[in-house]
């Protein structure tokens, strides 16, 4: 959780968001689009905001307004301080923040009042109870002290008026990492040394985590009717390694790790890496969904990263039985800071959006409606990559391409009787291109879009410069040429 130290940096100057919502274009009503949108029946529709969370909490009405504009519906934070100095201290679970410097009950109540969900992170070991002397990231000597802390948190915050349902156990517990580290950053055992060259592997890492941390805490969470979120498997840990941990059965507890996880959780993985977890643990159970409670961070130096990630996640989720709004959630690390790639710059004088935050605003204005998969696959022309979905009756296609005229086509969709219009919108600023830069044609086979990517692409800092944009197809306004 305490991953970064923020350094002051000049905020990038952002382009003004074009008022796409004021374009006055009525919804696209292709018959295939209507059929796809109605596939969910009476179930509450899935929306882009269901997917988007962040680390930290909003601390004011102004923060909440910014969260809503970016589509953020989840926050993640710590709870404590527990009993930091001795077992004889009163158990305190009313504070949050890296330094436990904020009042947690008021944070959760404010979140509830504003439609923001709360994920409470459970950890770590107080120094007096650490199996590695003075190391809060090591296993507890006295497991009952850990259980006492977890019980105090879950008992308090699962009850009214808080009603928190989701609790995350620890953070990035792993053994030897596939990236080469002998011990994980947040899970230490014998022979640990802060100098990684002197550290040796923690041979009992898996067994100690399952028996001393995860299953004792998971039993308490479920006893109070809560959901267990796995402790954020680190991207350097390797997914083969994660499978071994999830399939590990404790001989002492006669329990398998995977059976005590409701939401699998990884950190900093691309969307396609989630496939195996879905197929093995979610499609037929026992898990309810796949989360990533940390994404972004320095990946957001690439200004395309965040809008591409969430759009791809939505397309991916729509193809994988997205039957619960909590099934697939990813949380940005971090929404607040001084570095120019965070979602916002905290000021002074006032908090402002960075490019990454602005890109989420654009995404949620482009695709604010009930989401559904496209009725037919897309065919992209040379040097174009992308994907698409339906938002209410709009067809929204995210495209990435170098400068010049480009194409995308799909078959099996008949033109609406009143014609249709296509808009080409910059994914970072929300600026709509001139109408002549995107044309929509229909033939007996389906729909064809031709669009011009500008010379000054918005991904100029990438190794291979390209432009990220949305094609939005809406019915009405006469037939396109």
Protein backbone atom coordinates (compact mmCIF):
# COMPACT_ATOMS: atom_id res chain seq x y z
CA UNK A 1 0.00 0.00 0.00
CA UNK A 2 2.79 2.46 0.89
CA UNK A 3 4.26 2.11 -2.55
CA UNK A 4 5.26 5.59 -3.58
CA UNK A 5 6.67 8.83 -2.22
CA UNK A 6 5.17 11.73 -4.12
CA UNK A 7 7.44 14.38 -5.62
CA UNK A 8 6.22 17.79 -6.82
CA UNK A 9 5.89 18.08 -10.59
CA UNK A 10 4.30 20.59 -12.99
CA UNK A 11 0.83 19.57 -14.08
CA UNK A 12 0.34 18.97 -17.76
CA UNK A 13 -1.89 21.50 -19.47
CA UNK A 14 -5.13 19.78 -20.46
CA UNK A 15 -7.27 20.50 -23.47
CA UNK A 16 -10.83 21.60 -22.82
CA UNK A 17 -13.34 18.75 -22.88
CA UNK A 18 -15.72 19.09 -25.80
CA UNK A 19 -19.38 19.01 -24.92
CA UNK A 20 -20.18 15.73 -26.64
CA UNK A 21 -23.28 15.35 -24.51
CA UNK A 22 -24.59 18.56 -26.06
CA UNK A 23 -24.22 17.33 -29.64
CA UNK A 24 -27.96 16.78 -29.84
CA UNK A 25 -27.66 13.38 -31.55
CA UNK A 26 -30.45 10.93 -30.71
CA UNK A 27 -29.62 7.32 -29.73
CA UNK A 28 -28.49 4.70 -32.24
CA UNK A 29 -31.34 2.19 -32.58
CA UNK A 30 -30.09 -0.63 -34.80
CA UNK A 31 -32.19 -3.74 -34.21
CA UNK A 32 -29.11 -5.77 -33.31
CA UNK A 33 -28.09 -3.18 -30.72
CA UNK A 34 -31.51 -3.29 -29.09
CA UNK A 35 -31.40 -7.09 -28.97
CA UNK A 36 -27.99 -7.07 -27.29
CA UNK A 37 -28.99 -4.38 -24.80
CA UNK A 38 -32.05 -6.34 -23.74
CA UNK A 39 -30.16 -9.60 -23.19
CA UNK A 40 -29.79 -8.96 -19.47
CA UNK A 41 -33.55 -9.11 -18.90
CA UNK A 42 -34.68 -7.48 -15.66
CA UNK A 43 -31.17 -7.48 -14.14
CA UNK A 44 -29.75 -4.09 -13.22
CA UNK A 45 -27.55 -2.99 -16.13
CA UNK A 46 -23.78 -3.11 -15.98
CA UNK A 47 -22.04 0.26 -16.28
CA UNK A 48 -18.49 1.48 -16.71
CA UNK A 49 -18.52 2.92 -13.19
CA UNK A 50 -19.00 -0.59 -11.73
CA UNK A 51 -15.42 -1.37 -12.76
CA UNK A 52 -13.60 1.71 -11.51
CA UNK A 53 -12.11 2.14 -8.06
CA UNK A 54 -9.05 3.78 -6.56
CA UNK A 55 -6.78 3.61 -3.56
CA UNK A 56 -7.52 6.14 -0.85
CA UNK A 57 -10.65 8.03 0.11
CA UNK A 58 -12.33 11.28 -0.89
CA UNK A 59 -12.03 13.75 1.97
CA UNK A 60 -14.43 16.53 0.97
CA UNK A 61 -17.51 17.31 -1.10
CA UNK A 62 -15.21 18.64 -3.82
CA UNK A 63 -13.27 15.35 -3.87
CA UNK A 64 -16.50 13.37 -4.15
CA UNK A 65 -17.63 15.50 -7.10
CA UNK A 66 -14.34 14.76 -8.85
CA UNK A 67 -14.65 11.04 -8.12
CA UNK A 68 -18.13 10.97 -9.61
CA UNK A 69 -16.99 12.83 -12.70
CA UNK A 70 -14.22 10.25 -13.20
CA UNK A 71 -16.67 7.40 -12.59
CA UNK A 72 -14.94 6.12 -9.44
CA UNK A 73 -17.30 3.99 -7.36
CA UNK A 74 -14.88 2.16 -5.02
CA UNK A 75 -12.25 3.25 -2.49
CA UNK A 76 -9.66 1.15 -0.68
CA UNK A 77 -7.97 1.99 2.59
CA UNK A 78 -6.42 0.75 5.80
CA UNK A 79 -8.01 0.34 9.22
CA UNK A 80 -6.28 0.49 12.58
CA UNK A 81 -4.09 1.15 14.40
CA UNK A 82 -5.14 -1.94 16.37
CA UNK A 83 -2.75 -2.50 19.28
CA UNK A 84 0.51 -1.06 17.92
CA UNK A 85 2.62 -1.14 21.09
CA UNK A 86 1.34 -3.88 23.43
CA UNK A 87 -1.35 -6.52 23.83
CA UNK A 88 -2.63 -4.62 26.87
CA UNK A 89 -3.65 -1.59 24.79
CA UNK A 90 -7.30 -1.01 23.93
CA UNK A 91 -8.11 -2.28 20.42
CA UNK A 92 -8.56 0.75 18.13
CA UNK A 93 -10.01 0.39 14.63
CA UNK A 94 -11.29 3.92 14.10
CA UNK A 95 -8.46 5.36 12.01
CA UNK A 96 -7.33 5.10 8.38
CA UNK A 97 -4.55 6.39 6.15
CA UNK A 98 -0.88 5.44 5.93
CA UNK A 99 -0.24 7.16 9.27
CA UNK A 100 -3.70 6.40 10.70
CA UNK A 101 -4.34 10.13 10.66
CA UNK A 102 -7.96 10.16 9.42
CA UNK A 103 -11.24 9.22 11.07
CA UNK A 104 -12.51 6.04 9.41
CA UNK A 105 -16.17 5.96 10.59
CA UNK A 106 -16.86 9.39 9.08
CA UNK A 107 -15.09 8.36 5.85
CA UNK A 108 -17.28 5.29 5.41
CA UNK A 109 -20.49 7.15 6.25
CA UNK A 110 -19.60 9.86 3.73
CA UNK A 111 -18.85 7.18 1.14
CA UNK A 112 -22.20 5.49 1.79
CA UNK A 113 -24.09 8.76 1.45
CA UNK A 114 -22.51 9.35 -1.94
CA UNK A 115 -22.77 5.90 -3.49
CA UNK A 116 -19.10 5.01 -3.01
CA UNK A 117 -18.26 1.46 -1.94
CA UNK A 118 -15.55 0.80 0.65
CA UNK A 119 -12.94 -1.97 0.68
CA UNK A 120 -11.20 -2.25 4.05
CA UNK A 121 -7.66 -3.58 4.03
CA UNK A 122 -6.67 -5.77 7.00
CA UNK A 123 -3.00 -5.68 8.04
CA UNK A 124 -0.31 -5.81 9.35
CA UNK A 125 1.38 -7.37 12.44
CA UNK A 126 2.26 -5.04 15.34
CA UNK A 127 5.99 -5.06 16.11
CA UNK A 128 5.50 -6.64 19.53
CA UNK A 129 3.86 -9.70 17.90
CA UNK A 130 6.11 -10.05 14.85
CA UNK A 131 7.84 -13.37 14.17
CA UNK A 132 10.70 -11.41 12.58
CA UNK A 133 11.78 -9.02 15.32
CA UNK A 134 10.25 -5.58 14.83
CA UNK A 135 8.98 -6.40 11.31
CA UNK A 136 5.30 -5.53 10.78
CA UNK A 137 5.26 -7.42 7.45
CA UNK A 138 6.03 -10.76 9.10
CA UNK A 139 3.69 -13.42 10.43
CA UNK A 140 2.30 -12.99 13.96
CA UNK A 141 3.69 -15.08 16.79
CA UNK A 142 0.30 -15.04 18.50
CA UNK A 143 -2.38 -15.71 15.87
CA UNK A 144 -5.13 -14.94 18.39
CA UNK A 145 -3.95 -11.30 18.48
CA UNK A 146 -4.38 -11.11 14.70
CA UNK A 147 -7.83 -12.68 15.00
CA UNK A 148 -8.78 -10.19 17.70
CA UNK A 149 -7.89 -7.28 15.38
CA UNK A 150 -9.76 -8.76 12.41
CA UNK A 151 -12.83 -9.50 14.53
CA UNK A 152 -12.90 -5.94 15.86
CA UNK A 153 -12.75 -4.49 12.34
CA UNK A 154 -15.31 -6.77 10.72
CA UNK A 155 -17.74 -6.75 13.65
CA UNK A 156 -17.80 -2.94 13.73
CA UNK A 157 -17.90 -2.08 10.04
CA UNK A 158 -20.12 -4.89 8.73
CA UNK A 159 -22.88 -3.68 11.07
CA UNK A 160 -25.14 -0.64 10.60
CA UNK A 161 -24.70 2.19 9.92
CA UNK A 162 -21.56 1.24 7.96
CA UNK A 163 -22.61 -1.95 6.15
CA UNK A 164 -19.18 -2.75 4.66
CA UNK A 165 -19.23 -6.15 2.95
CA UNK A 166 -15.76 -6.47 1.42
CA UNK A 167 -12.56 -7.01 3.42
CA UNK A 168 -9.11 -7.54 1.96
CA UNK A 169 -6.71 -9.80 3.84
CA UNK A 170 -3.11 -8.54 3.88
CA UNK A 171 -1.30 -7.15 0.82
CA UNK A 172 0.92 -8.91 -1.72
CA UNK A 173 1.81 -11.92 0.42
CA UNK A 174 4.01 -14.26 -1.61
CA UNK A 175 7.19 -16.27 -1.29
CA UNK A 176 10.07 -16.21 -3.76
CA UNK A 177 9.06 -13.95 -6.68
CA UNK A 178 9.44 -14.93 -10.32
CA UNK A 179 11.19 -11.59 -10.79
CA UNK A 180 14.06 -12.84 -8.64
CA UNK A 181 13.44 -11.51 -5.11
CA UNK A 182 13.90 -14.25 -2.49
CA UNK A 183 11.06 -12.84 -0.35
CA UNK A 184 8.00 -10.76 -1.18
CA UNK A 185 7.94 -7.06 -0.31
CA UNK A 186 5.03 -7.37 2.13
CA UNK A 187 5.46 -10.91 3.52
CA UNK A 188 8.64 -11.68 5.46
CA UNK A 189 9.92 -14.69 7.32
CA UNK A 190 13.15 -16.15 8.62
CA UNK A 191 16.33 -15.03 6.82
CA UNK A 192 14.71 -11.82 5.60
CA UNK A 193 17.06 -8.90 5.00
CA UNK A 194 16.27 -5.50 3.56
CA UNK A 195 19.31 -5.99 1.38
CA UNK A 196 17.88 -8.44 -1.14
CA UNK A 197 21.35 -9.78 -1.92
CA UNK A 198 21.67 -11.01 1.66
CA UNK A 199 18.09 -12.27 2.06
CA UNK A 200 17.27 -15.95 1.69
CA UNK A 201 13.95 -17.58 0.70
CA UNK A 202 11.09 -17.90 3.19
CA UNK A 203 10.52 -21.63 2.85
CA UNK A 204 7.29 -21.68 4.88
CA UNK A 205 5.82 -18.57 3.23
CA UNK A 206 2.74 -20.26 1.78
CA UNK A 207 1.91 -22.44 4.76
CA UNK A 208 2.40 -19.62 7.27
CA UNK A 209 0.26 -17.18 5.30
CA UNK A 210 -2.59 -19.64 4.82
CA UNK A 211 -2.56 -20.92 8.42
CA UNK A 212 -1.67 -17.78 10.36
CA UNK A 213 -3.20 -15.00 8.30
CA UNK A 214 -5.65 -15.84 5.55
CA UNK A 215 -7.91 -18.64 6.75
CA UNK A 216 -8.20 -17.33 10.34
CA UNK A 217 -9.23 -13.92 8.96
CA UNK A 218 -11.46 -15.35 6.22
CA UNK A 219 -13.43 -17.38 8.75
CA UNK A 220 -14.14 -14.22 10.73
CA UNK A 221 -15.15 -12.22 7.64
CA UNK A 222 -17.61 -14.89 6.54
CA UNK A 223 -18.96 -15.32 10.05
CA UNK A 224 -20.20 -11.73 9.84
CA UNK A 225 -21.61 -12.18 6.33
CA UNK A 226 -18.75 -10.41 4.57
CA UNK A 227 -16.79 -11.21 1.43
CA UNK A 228 -13.12 -12.16 1.40
CA UNK A 229 -10.90 -10.29 -1.07
CA UNK A 230 -7.56 -11.99 -1.62
CA UNK A 231 -4.54 -9.97 -0.56
CA UNK A 232 -3.42 -8.62 -3.92
CA UNK A 233 -1.05 -11.08 -5.61
CA UNK A 234 1.98 -9.08 -6.87
CA UNK A 235 2.63 -8.94 -10.61
CA UNK A 236 6.22 -10.12 -9.99
CA UNK A 237 4.91 -13.23 -8.23
CA UNK A 238 3.99 -15.16 -11.38
CA UNK A 239 0.54 -16.60 -12.05
CA UNK A 240 1.82 -20.18 -11.91
CA UNK A 241 2.96 -19.40 -8.39
CA UNK A 242 -0.46 -17.96 -7.54
CA UNK A 243 -2.11 -21.19 -8.68
CA UNK A 244 0.09 -23.12 -6.25
CA UNK A 245 -0.96 -20.85 -3.39
CA UNK A 246 -4.64 -21.01 -4.24
CA UNK A 247 -4.56 -24.81 -4.57
CA UNK A 248 -2.57 -25.28 -1.37
CA UNK A 249 -4.45 -27.33 1.23
CA UNK A 250 -3.36 -26.87 4.81
CA UNK A 251 -2.95 -30.27 6.46
CA UNK A 252 -3.35 -28.67 9.89
CA UNK A 253 -6.58 -26.78 9.05
CA UNK A 254 -7.79 -29.30 6.44
CA UNK A 255 -8.75 -26.37 4.23
CA UNK A 256 -7.82 -25.28 0.71
CA UNK A 257 -6.85 -21.67 0.21
CA UNK A 258 -9.08 -21.16 -2.88
CA UNK A 259 -12.17 -22.19 -0.93
CA UNK A 260 -11.65 -19.24 1.41
CA UNK A 261 -11.49 -16.56 -1.28
CA UNK A 262 -14.54 -14.75 -2.66
CA UNK A 263 -12.72 -12.30 -4.96
CA UNK A 264 -9.35 -13.14 -6.45
CA UNK A 265 -7.08 -10.13 -6.52
CA UNK A 266 -3.93 -9.38 -8.50
CA UNK A 267 -1.89 -6.22 -9.05
CA UNK A 268 -0.70 -4.47 -12.23
CA UNK A 269 -1.59 -7.19 -14.73
CA UNK A 270 -2.94 -6.56 -18.25
CA UNK A 271 -6.56 -7.57 -18.80
CA UNK A 272 -5.80 -10.66 -20.88
CA UNK A 273 -3.75 -12.14 -17.99
CA UNK A 274 -6.99 -12.45 -16.00
CA UNK A 275 -8.34 -15.13 -18.37
CA UNK A 276 -6.77 -18.09 -16.60
CA UNK A 277 -8.03 -17.00 -13.19
CA UNK A 278 -11.54 -16.59 -14.56
CA UNK A 279 -11.51 -20.00 -16.25
CA UNK A 280 -10.07 -21.91 -13.28
CA UNK A 281 -11.70 -20.23 -10.30
CA UNK A 282 -14.65 -18.03 -11.33
CA UNK A 283 -16.43 -19.59 -14.31
CA UNK A 284 -17.53 -22.60 -12.25
CA UNK A 285 -16.58 -21.27 -8.81
CA UNK A 286 -15.52 -21.21 -6.04
CA UNK A 287 -14.65 -17.50 -6.42
CA UNK A 288 -17.24 -14.82 -7.19
CA UNK A 289 -15.01 -12.57 -9.32
CA UNK A 290 -11.61 -11.21 -10.29
CA UNK A 291 -10.33 -7.89 -8.97
CA UNK A 292 -7.16 -5.86 -9.24
CA UNK A 293 -6.84 -3.60 -6.23
CA UNK A 294 -3.79 -1.85 -7.67
CA UNK A 295 -3.32 -0.87 -11.30
CA UNK A 296 -1.73 2.11 -12.96
CA UNK A 297 1.01 3.75 -10.93
CA UNK A 298 3.94 4.47 -13.28
CA UNK A 299 2.18 2.66 -16.12
CA UNK A 300 0.08 5.83 -16.29
CA UNK A 301 3.08 7.72 -17.63
CA UNK A 302 1.68 6.22 -20.85
CA UNK A 303 -1.40 8.43 -21.14
CA UNK A 304 -3.21 5.74 -23.13
CA UNK A 305 -2.83 3.13 -20.39
CA UNK A 306 -5.82 3.92 -18.21
CA UNK A 307 -8.57 4.51 -20.82
CA UNK A 308 -7.39 1.45 -22.76
CA UNK A 309 -7.32 -0.68 -19.63
CA UNK A 310 -10.85 0.12 -18.47
CA UNK A 311 -12.38 -0.06 -21.94
CA UNK A 312 -10.72 -3.44 -22.53
CA UNK A 313 -11.84 -4.59 -19.09
CA UNK A 314 -15.45 -3.70 -19.90
CA UNK A 315 -15.34 -5.59 -23.22
CA UNK A 316 -13.66 -8.54 -21.47
CA UNK A 317 -16.21 -8.58 -18.63
CA UNK A 318 -19.17 -8.45 -21.03
CA UNK A 319 -17.88 -11.67 -22.60
CA UNK A 320 -17.48 -13.39 -19.21
CA UNK A 321 -20.89 -13.51 -17.56
CA UNK A 322 -20.80 -10.11 -15.87
CA UNK A 323 -23.86 -11.02 -13.82
CA UNK A 324 -22.90 -9.10 -10.65
CA UNK A 325 -21.80 -5.44 -10.58
CA UNK A 326 -19.08 -6.39 -8.04
CA UNK A 327 -17.67 -9.22 -10.14
CA UNK A 328 -14.89 -7.29 -11.87
CA UNK A 329 -13.31 -4.27 -10.17
CA UNK A 330 -9.94 -2.54 -10.71
CA UNK A 331 -8.54 0.19 -8.46
CA UNK A 332 -6.15 2.87 -9.64
CA UNK A 333 -2.99 3.46 -7.62
CA UNK A 334 -3.25 6.41 -6.93
CA UNK A 335 -5.99 9.00 -7.42
CA UNK A 336 -4.10 11.74 -5.55
CA UNK A 337 -0.56 13.09 -5.61
CA UNK A 338 1.93 15.50 -7.11
CA UNK A 339 3.29 13.38 -9.95
CA UNK A 340 1.77 14.27 -13.33
CA UNK A 341 0.51 10.75 -14.06
CA UNK A 342 -1.78 10.48 -10.98
CA UNK A 343 -5.51 11.00 -11.54
CA UNK A 344 -5.40 14.40 -9.85
CA UNK A 345 -2.83 16.95 -8.68
CA UNK A 346 -3.65 17.88 -5.12
CA UNK A 347 -2.61 21.54 -5.39
CA UNK A 348 -2.14 24.13 -4.04
CA UNK A 349 -4.11 26.15 -4.69
CA UNK A 350 -6.82 23.68 -5.67
CA UNK A 351 -6.99 20.06 -6.77
CA UNK A 352 -6.99 19.66 -10.56
CA UNK A 353 -7.23 16.75 -13.01
CA UNK A 354 -4.17 15.27 -14.63
CA UNK A 355 -4.37 13.67 -18.08
CA UNK A 356 -5.16 10.25 -16.60
CA UNK A 357 -8.07 11.64 -14.60
CA UNK A 358 -9.33 13.58 -17.61
CA UNK A 359 -9.25 10.39 -19.69
CA UNK A 360 -11.62 8.72 -17.21
CA UNK A 361 -13.99 11.68 -17.48
CA UNK A 362 -14.00 11.27 -21.26
CA UNK A 363 -14.58 7.51 -20.99
CA UNK A 364 -17.58 7.98 -18.71
CA UNK A 365 -19.08 10.68 -20.92
CA UNK A 366 -18.59 8.56 -24.04
CA UNK A 367 -20.00 5.35 -22.51
CA UNK A 368 -22.28 6.36 -19.61
CA UNK A 369 -25.14 3.98 -20.33
CA UNK A 370 -26.07 0.35 -19.83
CA UNK A 371 -23.30 -1.74 -21.40
CA UNK A 372 -23.75 -4.69 -23.72
CA UNK A 373 -21.51 -6.57 -26.16
CA UNK A 374 -21.57 -5.72 -29.84
CA UNK A 375 -23.84 -8.04 -31.82
CA UNK A 376 -21.14 -8.65 -34.45
CA UNK A 377 -17.31 -8.64 -34.41
CA UNK A 378 -15.34 -5.68 -35.75
CA UNK A 379 -12.81 -5.79 -38.58
CA UNK A 380 -10.06 -3.19 -38.30
CA UNK A 381 -8.08 -1.88 -41.23
CA UNK A 382 -4.26 -1.89 -41.44
CA UNK A 383 -2.43 -0.42 -38.42
CA UNK A 384 -5.67 -0.07 -36.42
CA UNK A 385 -6.31 -1.86 -33.14
CA UNK A 386 -9.36 -1.61 -30.94
CA UNK A 387 -12.55 -3.04 -29.52
CA UNK A 388 -16.17 -2.04 -29.12
CA UNK A 389 -19.32 -2.25 -27.04
CA UNK A 390 -22.80 -0.79 -26.75
CA UNK A 391 -23.65 1.96 -24.27
CA UNK A 392 -27.45 2.18 -24.22
CA UNK A 393 -28.10 2.37 -27.98
CA UNK A 394 -24.78 4.02 -28.89
CA UNK A 395 -22.13 1.92 -30.57
CA UNK A 396 -18.78 2.91 -29.03
CA UNK A 397 -15.52 1.74 -30.62
CA UNK A 398 -12.15 2.54 -29.07
CA UNK A 399 -9.42 2.74 -31.72
CA UNK A 400 -5.65 3.18 -31.64
CA UNK A 401 -3.86 4.05 -34.87
CA UNK A 402 -1.11 6.20 -36.40
CA UNK A 403 -1.87 9.31 -38.46
CA UNK A 404 -3.80 9.05 -41.71
CA UNK A 405 -7.08 7.69 -43.00
CA UNK A 406 -8.14 4.44 -41.32
CA UNK A 407 -11.10 2.06 -41.41
CA UNK A 408 -13.22 -0.25 -39.28
CA UNK A 409 -16.09 -2.43 -40.48
CA UNK A 410 -18.70 -4.80 -39.16
CA UNK A 411 -21.22 -7.05 -40.84
CA UNK A 412 -24.76 -8.08 -40.04
CA UNK A 413 -26.04 -4.67 -38.87
CA UNK A 414 -28.69 -2.98 -40.98
CA UNK A 415 -28.81 0.83 -41.22
CA UNK A 416 -31.42 2.52 -39.03
CA UNK A 417 -34.34 4.01 -40.94
CA UNK A 418 -33.47 7.56 -39.92
CA UNK A 419 -29.81 7.30 -40.80
CA UNK A 420 -26.89 7.56 -38.38
CA UNK A 421 -23.95 9.76 -37.51
CA UNK A 422 -20.42 8.88 -36.43
CA UNK A 423 -18.32 11.08 -34.14
CA UNK A 424 -14.54 10.79 -33.77
CA UNK A 425 -13.53 11.84 -30.26
CA UNK A 426 -10.07 12.25 -28.70
CA UNK A 427 -9.84 9.76 -25.80
CA UNK A 428 -7.73 12.07 -23.64
CA UNK A 429 -9.34 15.47 -24.10
CA UNK A 430 -12.86 14.63 -25.29
CA UNK A 431 -12.47 16.94 -28.29
CA UNK A 432 -14.68 15.91 -31.21
CA UNK A 433 -13.04 16.07 -34.65
CA UNK A 434 -14.70 17.94 -37.54
CA UNK A 435 -17.54 15.95 -39.12
CA UNK A 436 -15.61 15.46 -42.35
CA UNK A 437 -12.92 13.50 -40.45
CA UNK A 438 -15.26 10.52 -39.94
CA UNK A 439 -17.74 9.05 -42.42
CA UNK A 440 -20.21 6.22 -42.08
CA UNK A 441 -21.34 4.06 -45.02
CA UNK A 442 -23.79 1.18 -45.30
CA UNK A 443 -23.93 -1.62 -47.85
CA UNK A 444 -25.65 -4.96 -48.16
CA UNK A 445 -23.02 -6.51 -45.91
CA UNK A 446 -23.06 -4.02 -43.02
CA UNK A 447 -21.40 -0.87 -41.78
CA UNK A 448 -18.10 0.76 -42.71
CA UNK A 449 -16.43 3.70 -40.94
CA UNK A 450 -13.60 5.74 -42.42
CA UNK A 451 -11.84 8.16 -40.12
CA UNK A 452 -8.81 10.43 -40.22
CA UNK A 453 -6.28 10.22 -37.40
CA UNK A 454 -4.69 13.67 -36.91
CA UNK A 455 -1.02 14.38 -37.58
CA UNK A 456 -0.50 15.44 -33.96
CA UNK A 457 -1.37 12.20 -32.21
CA UNK A 458 -2.13 12.13 -28.49
CA UNK A 459 0.31 9.29 -27.85
CA UNK A 460 3.43 11.11 -29.02
CA UNK A 461 5.41 10.05 -25.93
CA UNK A 462 4.92 6.35 -26.68
CA UNK A 463 7.63 4.25 -28.34
CA UNK A 464 5.33 3.82 -31.32
CA UNK A 465 3.33 7.06 -31.55
CA UNK A 466 -0.36 6.54 -32.11
CA UNK A 467 -3.69 8.20 -31.42
CA UNK A 468 -6.32 6.86 -29.00
CA UNK A 469 -9.89 7.84 -29.79
CA UNK A 470 -13.52 6.77 -29.74
CA UNK A 471 -15.85 6.29 -32.68
CA UNK A 472 -19.40 6.88 -31.47
CA UNK A 473 -22.21 5.78 -33.81
CA UNK A 474 -25.65 7.22 -33.07
CA UNK A 475 -28.89 7.03 -34.96
CA UNK A 476 -30.52 10.06 -36.55
CA UNK A 477 -29.36 13.33 -38.12
CA UNK A 478 -29.83 12.04 -41.64
CA UNK A 479 -27.99 9.40 -43.59
CA UNK A 480 -24.22 9.51 -43.61
CA UNK A 481 -22.36 9.84 -46.89
